[in-house]
Structures are given as structure tokens and as C-alpha cells.
């Protein structure tokens, strides 16, 4: 399981799991799994980073692996 700050960042932006999932074009279940520390594909991480309004170079602020 990998450590990430996804839930903290998402909540600081006042964004629900469903909103983030829709913006990132992935399922809310995937968001929930990632927030619990489960791994995901690089493409999924890329979609999440961009949906949060971050640059890809900011990936270490969200995903600490």
C-alpha cells in the first residue's frame, strides 16, 4: 500500500469523491481505493493530478511513492 495525500487535498478543495471521479474520468470506487492506500496505474495518477488542478510535476505532493 502506498502513502498518498489524496483525501486531504481533495477535502481541502471542498471536492467530493464523485466530483473528482467525474473530472478525472474514473470511478468513485477507484478514488476510494486510492485514498485507502491501494495502488493504481500511472495513467490514473495522471488523471487525478490534472483533475485536482495540479501540474504533473507536483505529483509528489499527492502521491508519495
PDB file of N, CA and C in Angstrom:
ATOM      1  N   UNK A   1       0.844  -1.193   0.000  1.00  0.00           N
ATOM      2  CA  UNK A   1       0.000   0.000   0.000  1.00  0.00           C
ATOM      3  C   UNK A   1       0.882   1.248   0.000  1.00  0.00           C
ATOM      4  N   UNK A   2       0.513   2.167  -0.841  1.00  0.00           N
ATOM      5  CA  UNK A   2       1.319   3.378  -0.958  1.00  0.00           C
ATOM      6  C   UNK A   2       0.671   4.540  -0.219  1.00  0.00           C
ATOM      7  N   UNK A   3       1.499   5.367   0.346  1.00  0.00           N
ATOM      8  CA  UNK A   3       1.023   6.545   1.087  1.00  0.00           C
ATOM      9  C   UNK A   3       0.712   7.664   0.103  1.00  0.00           C
ATOM     10  N   UNK A   4      -0.426   8.313   0.311  1.00  0.00           N
ATOM     11  CA  UNK A   4      -0.756   9.463  -0.526  1.00  0.00           C
ATOM     12  C   UNK A   4      -1.566  10.479   0.277  1.00  0.00           C
ATOM     13  N   UNK A   5      -1.651  11.689  -0.256  1.00  0.00           N
ATOM     14  CA  UNK A   5      -2.370  12.788   0.394  1.00  0.00           C
ATOM     15  C   UNK A   5      -3.658  13.124  -0.340  1.00  0.00           C
ATOM     16  N   UNK A   6      -4.144  12.196  -1.128  1.00  0.00           N
ATOM     17  CA  UNK A   6      -5.290  12.479  -1.990  1.00  0.00           C
ATOM     18  C   UNK A   6      -6.514  12.953  -1.205  1.00  0.00           C
ATOM     19  N   UNK A   7      -6.877  12.243  -0.154  1.00  0.00           N
ATOM     20  CA  UNK A   7      -8.078  12.617   0.598  1.00  0.00           C
ATOM     21  C   UNK A   7      -7.939  14.009   1.207  1.00  0.00           C
ATOM     22  N   UNK A   8      -6.798  14.279   1.810  1.00  0.00           N
ATOM     23  CA  UNK A   8      -6.570  15.582   2.441  1.00  0.00           C
ATOM     24  C   UNK A   8      -6.647  16.713   1.413  1.00  0.00           C
ATOM     25  N   UNK A   9      -6.024  16.522   0.276  1.00  0.00           N
ATOM     26  CA  UNK A   9      -6.033  17.548  -0.771  1.00  0.00           C
ATOM     27  C   UNK A   9      -7.435  17.712  -1.353  1.00  0.00           C
ATOM     28  N   UNK A  10      -8.097  16.594  -1.624  1.00  0.00           N
ATOM     29  CA  UNK A  10      -9.459  16.649  -2.187  1.00  0.00           C
ATOM     30  C   UNK A  10     -10.393  17.392  -1.237  1.00  0.00           C
ATOM     31  N   UNK A  11     -10.324  17.079   0.041  1.00  0.00           N
ATOM     32  CA  UNK A  11     -11.194  17.739   1.022  1.00  0.00           C
ATOM     33  C   UNK A  11     -10.835  19.213   1.190  1.00  0.00           C
ATOM     34  N   UNK A  12      -9.560  19.549   1.074  1.00  0.00           N
ATOM     35  CA  UNK A  12      -9.169  20.964   1.196  1.00  0.00           C
ATOM     36  C   UNK A  12      -9.720  21.790   0.027  1.00  0.00           C
ATOM     37  N   UNK A  13      -9.971  21.127  -1.089  1.00  0.00           N
ATOM     38  CA  UNK A  13     -10.566  21.792  -2.256  1.00  0.00           C
ATOM     39  C   UNK A  13     -12.100  21.726  -2.228  1.00  0.00           C
ATOM     40  N   UNK A  14     -12.642  21.200  -1.117  1.00  0.00           N
ATOM     41  CA  UNK A  14     -14.091  21.028  -0.944  1.00  0.00           C
ATOM     42  C   UNK A  14     -14.704  20.260  -2.110  1.00  0.00           C
ATOM     43  N   UNK A  15     -14.032  19.185  -2.504  1.00  0.00           N
ATOM     44  CA  UNK A  15     -14.453  18.373  -3.632  1.00  0.00           C
ATOM     45  C   UNK A  15     -14.851  16.986  -3.128  1.00  0.00           C
ATOM     46  N   UNK A  16     -15.986  16.493  -3.592  1.00  0.00           N
ATOM     47  CA  UNK A  16     -16.411  15.148  -3.203  1.00  0.00           C
ATOM     48  C   UNK A  16     -15.687  14.111  -4.052  1.00  0.00           C
ATOM     49  N   UNK A  17     -15.751  12.860  -3.593  1.00  0.00           N
ATOM     50  CA  UNK A  17     -15.152  11.776  -4.379  1.00  0.00           C
ATOM     51  C   UNK A  17     -15.790  11.709  -5.755  1.00  0.00           C
ATOM     52  N   UNK A  18     -17.110  11.888  -5.791  1.00  0.00           N
ATOM     53  CA  UNK A  18     -17.831  11.826  -7.061  1.00  0.00           C
ATOM     54  C   UNK A  18     -17.404  12.933  -8.014  1.00  0.00           C
ATOM     55  N   UNK A  19     -17.224  14.141  -7.471  1.00  0.00           N
ATOM     56  CA  UNK A  19     -16.791  15.265  -8.315  1.00  0.00           C
ATOM     57  C   UNK A  19     -15.411  14.998  -8.900  1.00  0.00           C
ATOM     58  N   UNK A  20     -14.501  14.543  -8.060  1.00  0.00           N
ATOM     59  CA  UNK A  20     -13.152  14.264  -8.531  1.00  0.00           C
ATOM     60  C   UNK A  20     -13.168  13.139  -9.566  1.00  0.00           C
ATOM     61  N   UNK A  21     -13.939  12.115  -9.286  1.00  0.00           N
ATOM     62  CA  UNK A  21     -14.029  10.986 -10.214  1.00  0.00           C
ATOM     63  C   UNK A  21     -14.545  11.431 -11.578  1.00  0.00           C
ATOM     64  N   UNK A  22     -15.553  12.287 -11.567  1.00  0.00           N
ATOM     65  CA  UNK A  22     -16.123  12.773 -12.825  1.00  0.00           C
ATOM     66  C   UNK A  22     -15.101  13.615 -13.594  1.00  0.00           C
ATOM     67  N   UNK A  23     -14.409  14.518 -12.891  1.00  0.00           N
ATOM     68  CA  UNK A  23     -13.393  15.364 -13.535  1.00  0.00           C
ATOM     69  C   UNK A  23     -12.238  14.534 -14.088  1.00  0.00           C
ATOM     70  N   UNK A  24     -11.868  13.475 -13.362  1.00  0.00           N
ATOM     71  CA  UNK A  24     -10.731  12.643 -13.756  1.00  0.00           C
ATOM     72  C   UNK A  24     -11.138  11.519 -14.708  1.00  0.00           C
ATOM     73  N   UNK A  25     -12.438  11.363 -14.935  1.00  0.00           N
ATOM     74  CA  UNK A  25     -12.963  10.309 -15.805  1.00  0.00           C
ATOM     75  C   UNK A  25     -12.586   8.913 -15.310  1.00  0.00           C
ATOM     76  N   UNK A  26     -12.753   8.728 -13.981  1.00  0.00           N
ATOM     77  CA  UNK A  26     -12.559   7.415 -13.363  1.00  0.00           C
ATOM     78  C   UNK A  26     -13.706   7.196 -12.380  1.00  0.00           C
ATOM     79  N   UNK A  27     -13.816   6.012 -11.817  1.00  0.00           N
ATOM     80  CA  UNK A  27     -14.945   5.724 -10.933  1.00  0.00           C
ATOM     81  C   UNK A  27     -14.696   6.218  -9.504  1.00  0.00           C
ATOM     82  N   UNK A  28     -15.781   6.571  -8.793  1.00  0.00           N
ATOM     83  CA  UNK A  28     -15.645   6.967  -7.378  1.00  0.00           C
ATOM     84  C   UNK A  28     -15.052   5.838  -6.531  1.00  0.00           C
ATOM     85  N   UNK A  29     -15.304   4.595  -6.912  1.00  0.00           N
ATOM     86  CA  UNK A  29     -14.750   3.452  -6.181  1.00  0.00           C
ATOM     87  C   UNK A  29     -13.222   3.462  -6.282  1.00  0.00           C
ATOM     88  N   UNK A  30     -12.716   3.833  -7.455  1.00  0.00           N
ATOM     89  CA  UNK A  30     -11.267   3.921  -7.641  1.00  0.00           C
ATOM     90  C   UNK A  30     -10.682   4.996  -6.734  1.00  0.00           C
ATOM     91  N   UNK A  31     -11.358   6.134  -6.643  1.00  0.00           N
ATOM     92  CA  UNK A  31     -10.903   7.216  -5.749  1.00  0.00           C
ATOM     93  C   UNK A  31     -10.840   6.693  -4.310  1.00  0.00           C
ATOM     94  N   UNK A  32     -11.888   6.020  -3.880  1.00  0.00           N
ATOM     95  CA  UNK A  32     -11.941   5.491  -2.515  1.00  0.00           C
ATOM     96  C   UNK A  32     -10.795   4.515  -2.253  1.00  0.00           C
ATOM     97  N   UNK A  33     -10.531   3.640  -3.206  1.00  0.00           N
ATOM     98  CA  UNK A  33      -9.449   2.662  -3.038  1.00  0.00           C
ATOM     99  C   UNK A  33      -8.092   3.352  -2.924  1.00  0.00           C
ATOM    100  N   UNK A  34      -7.871   4.345  -3.771  1.00  0.00           N
ATOM    101  CA  UNK A  34      -6.591   5.065  -3.736  1.00  0.00           C
ATOM    102  C   UNK A  34      -6.429   5.805  -2.410  1.00  0.00           C
ATOM    103  N   UNK A  35      -7.517   6.410  -1.926  1.00  0.00           N
ATOM    104  CA  UNK A  35      -7.459   7.127  -0.644  1.00  0.00           C
ATOM    105  C   UNK A  35      -7.160   6.187   0.515  1.00  0.00           C
ATOM    106  N   UNK A  36      -7.531   4.914   0.384  1.00  0.00           N
ATOM    107  CA  UNK A  36      -7.229   3.926   1.427  1.00  0.00           C
ATOM    108  C   UNK A  36      -5.793   3.421   1.320  1.00  0.00           C
ATOM    109  N   UNK A  37      -5.079   3.860   0.272  1.00  0.00           N
ATOM    110  CA  UNK A  37      -3.674   3.491   0.141  1.00  0.00           C
ATOM    111  C   UNK A  37      -3.390   2.390  -0.855  1.00  0.00           C
ATOM    112  N   UNK A  38      -4.401   1.946  -1.582  1.00  0.00           N
ATOM    113  CA  UNK A  38      -4.168   0.912  -2.589  1.00  0.00           C
ATOM    114  C   UNK A  38      -3.474   1.534  -3.797  1.00  0.00           C
ATOM    115  N   UNK A  39      -2.755   0.727  -4.522  1.00  0.00           N
ATOM    116  CA  UNK A  39      -2.002   1.237  -5.671  1.00  0.00           C
ATOM    117  C   UNK A  39      -2.924   1.438  -6.878  1.00  0.00           C
ATOM    118  N   UNK A  40      -2.426   2.201  -7.832  1.00  0.00           N
ATOM    119  CA  UNK A  40      -3.161   2.415  -9.071  1.00  0.00           C
ATOM    120  C   UNK A  40      -2.169   2.621 -10.203  1.00  0.00           C
ATOM    121  N   UNK A  41      -2.682   2.603 -11.413  1.00  0.00           N
ATOM    122  CA  UNK A  41      -1.820   2.766 -12.582  1.00  0.00           C
ATOM    123  C   UNK A  41      -1.332   4.206 -12.697  1.00  0.00           C
ATOM    124  N   UNK A  42      -0.240   4.370 -13.390  1.00  0.00           N
ATOM    125  CA  UNK A  42       0.339   5.695 -13.623  1.00  0.00           C
ATOM    126  C   UNK A  42      -0.662   6.603 -14.348  1.00  0.00           C
ATOM    127  N   UNK A  43      -1.386   6.055 -15.307  1.00  0.00           N
ATOM    128  CA  UNK A  43      -2.381   6.831 -16.055  1.00  0.00           C
ATOM    129  C   UNK A  43      -3.469   7.378 -15.131  1.00  0.00           C
ATOM    130  N   UNK A  44      -3.885   6.570 -14.165  1.00  0.00           N
ATOM    131  CA  UNK A  44      -4.903   7.007 -13.202  1.00  0.00           C
ATOM    132  C   UNK A  44      -4.361   8.139 -12.340  1.00  0.00           C
ATOM    133  N   UNK A  45      -3.123   8.018 -11.898  1.00  0.00           N
ATOM    134  CA  UNK A  45      -2.493   9.088 -11.116  1.00  0.00           C
ATOM    135  C   UNK A  45      -2.450  10.379 -11.926  1.00  0.00           C
ATOM    136  N   UNK A  46      -2.096  10.257 -13.202  1.00  0.00           N
ATOM    137  CA  UNK A  46      -2.016  11.429 -14.076  1.00  0.00           C
ATOM    138  C   UNK A  46      -3.376  12.117 -14.171  1.00  0.00           C
ATOM    139  N   UNK A  47      -4.432  11.342 -14.354  1.00  0.00           N
ATOM    140  CA  UNK A  47      -5.781  11.911 -14.458  1.00  0.00           C
ATOM    141  C   UNK A  47      -6.182  12.632 -13.170  1.00  0.00           C
ATOM    142  N   UNK A  48      -5.858  12.039 -12.038  1.00  0.00           N
ATOM    143  CA  UNK A  48      -6.204  12.632 -10.744  1.00  0.00           C
ATOM    144  C   UNK A  48      -5.447  13.935 -10.523  1.00  0.00           C
ATOM    145  N   UNK A  49      -4.154  13.923 -10.800  1.00  0.00           N
ATOM    146  CA  UNK A  49      -3.332  15.128 -10.612  1.00  0.00           C
ATOM    147  C   UNK A  49      -3.890  16.285 -11.428  1.00  0.00           C
ATOM    148  N   UNK A  50      -4.198  16.028 -12.694  1.00  0.00           N
ATOM    149  CA  UNK A  50      -4.727  17.079 -13.567  1.00  0.00           C
ATOM    150  C   UNK A  50      -6.127  17.520 -13.139  1.00  0.00           C
ATOM    151  N   UNK A  51      -6.966  16.582 -12.690  1.00  0.00           N
ATOM    152  CA  UNK A  51      -8.325  16.913 -12.249  1.00  0.00           C
ATOM    153  C   UNK A  51      -8.318  17.791 -10.999  1.00  0.00           C
ATOM    154  N   UNK A  52      -7.278  17.644 -10.173  1.00  0.00           N
ATOM    155  CA  UNK A  52      -7.156  18.467  -8.965  1.00  0.00           C
ATOM    156  C   UNK A  52      -6.616  19.863  -9.278  1.00  0.00           C
ATOM    157  N   UNK A  53      -6.190  20.078 -10.520  1.00  0.00           N
ATOM    158  CA  UNK A  53      -5.670  21.381 -10.912  1.00  0.00           C
ATOM    159  C   UNK A  53      -4.175  21.529 -10.683  1.00  0.00           C
ATOM    160  N   UNK A  54      -3.499  20.419 -10.448  1.00  0.00           N
ATOM    161  CA  UNK A  54      -2.054  20.434 -10.242  1.00  0.00           C
ATOM    162  C   UNK A  54      -1.340  20.167 -11.565  1.00  0.00           C
ATOM    163  N   UNK A  55      -0.064  20.496 -11.604  1.00  0.00           N
ATOM    164  CA  UNK A  55       0.786  20.132 -12.736  1.00  0.00           C
ATOM    165  C   UNK A  55       1.342  18.740 -12.476  1.00  0.00           C
ATOM    166  N   UNK A  56       1.687  18.045 -13.549  1.00  0.00           N
ATOM    167  CA  UNK A  56       2.242  16.702 -13.375  1.00  0.00           C
ATOM    168  C   UNK A  56       3.523  16.720 -12.544  1.00  0.00           C
ATOM    169  N   UNK A  57       4.243  17.824 -12.589  1.00  0.00           N
ATOM    170  CA  UNK A  57       5.476  17.932 -11.796  1.00  0.00           C
ATOM    171  C   UNK A  57       5.195  17.998 -10.290  1.00  0.00           C
ATOM    172  N   UNK A  58       3.933  18.213  -9.912  1.00  0.00           N
ATOM    173  CA  UNK A  58       3.544  18.277  -8.498  1.00  0.00           C
ATOM    174  C   UNK A  58       3.111  16.918  -7.948  1.00  0.00           C
ATOM    175  N   UNK A  59       3.373  15.845  -8.683  1.00  0.00           N
ATOM    176  CA  UNK A  59       2.866  14.524  -8.288  1.00  0.00           C
ATOM    177  C   UNK A  59       3.303  14.110  -6.891  1.00  0.00           C
ATOM    178  N   UNK A  60       4.480  14.522  -6.452  1.00  0.00           N
ATOM    179  CA  UNK A  60       4.965  14.136  -5.124  1.00  0.00           C
ATOM    180  C   UNK A  60       4.191  14.802  -3.991  1.00  0.00           C
ATOM    181  N   UNK A  61       3.432  15.854  -4.297  1.00  0.00           N
ATOM    182  CA  UNK A  61       2.585  16.489  -3.285  1.00  0.00           C
ATOM    183  C   UNK A  61       1.373  15.611  -2.980  1.00  0.00           C
ATOM    184  N   UNK A  62       0.996  14.760  -3.934  1.00  0.00           N
ATOM    185  CA  UNK A  62      -0.192  13.917  -3.776  1.00  0.00           C
ATOM    186  C   UNK A  62       0.200  12.464  -3.524  1.00  0.00           C
ATOM    187  N   UNK A  63       1.065  11.940  -4.378  1.00  0.00           N
ATOM    188  CA  UNK A  63       1.490  10.544  -4.286  1.00  0.00           C
ATOM    189  C   UNK A  63       2.934  10.459  -3.801  1.00  0.00           C
ATOM    190  N   UNK A  64       3.130   9.811  -2.672  1.00  0.00           N
ATOM    191  CA  UNK A  64       4.437   9.797  -2.024  1.00  0.00           C
ATOM    192  C   UNK A  64       5.242   8.515  -2.306  1.00  0.00           C
ATOM    193  N   UNK A  65       5.023   7.889  -3.461  1.00  0.00           N
ATOM    194  CA  UNK A  65       5.716   6.618  -3.670  1.00  0.00           C
ATOM    195  C   UNK A  65       6.842   6.684  -4.633  1.00  0.00           C
TER     196      UNK A  65
END
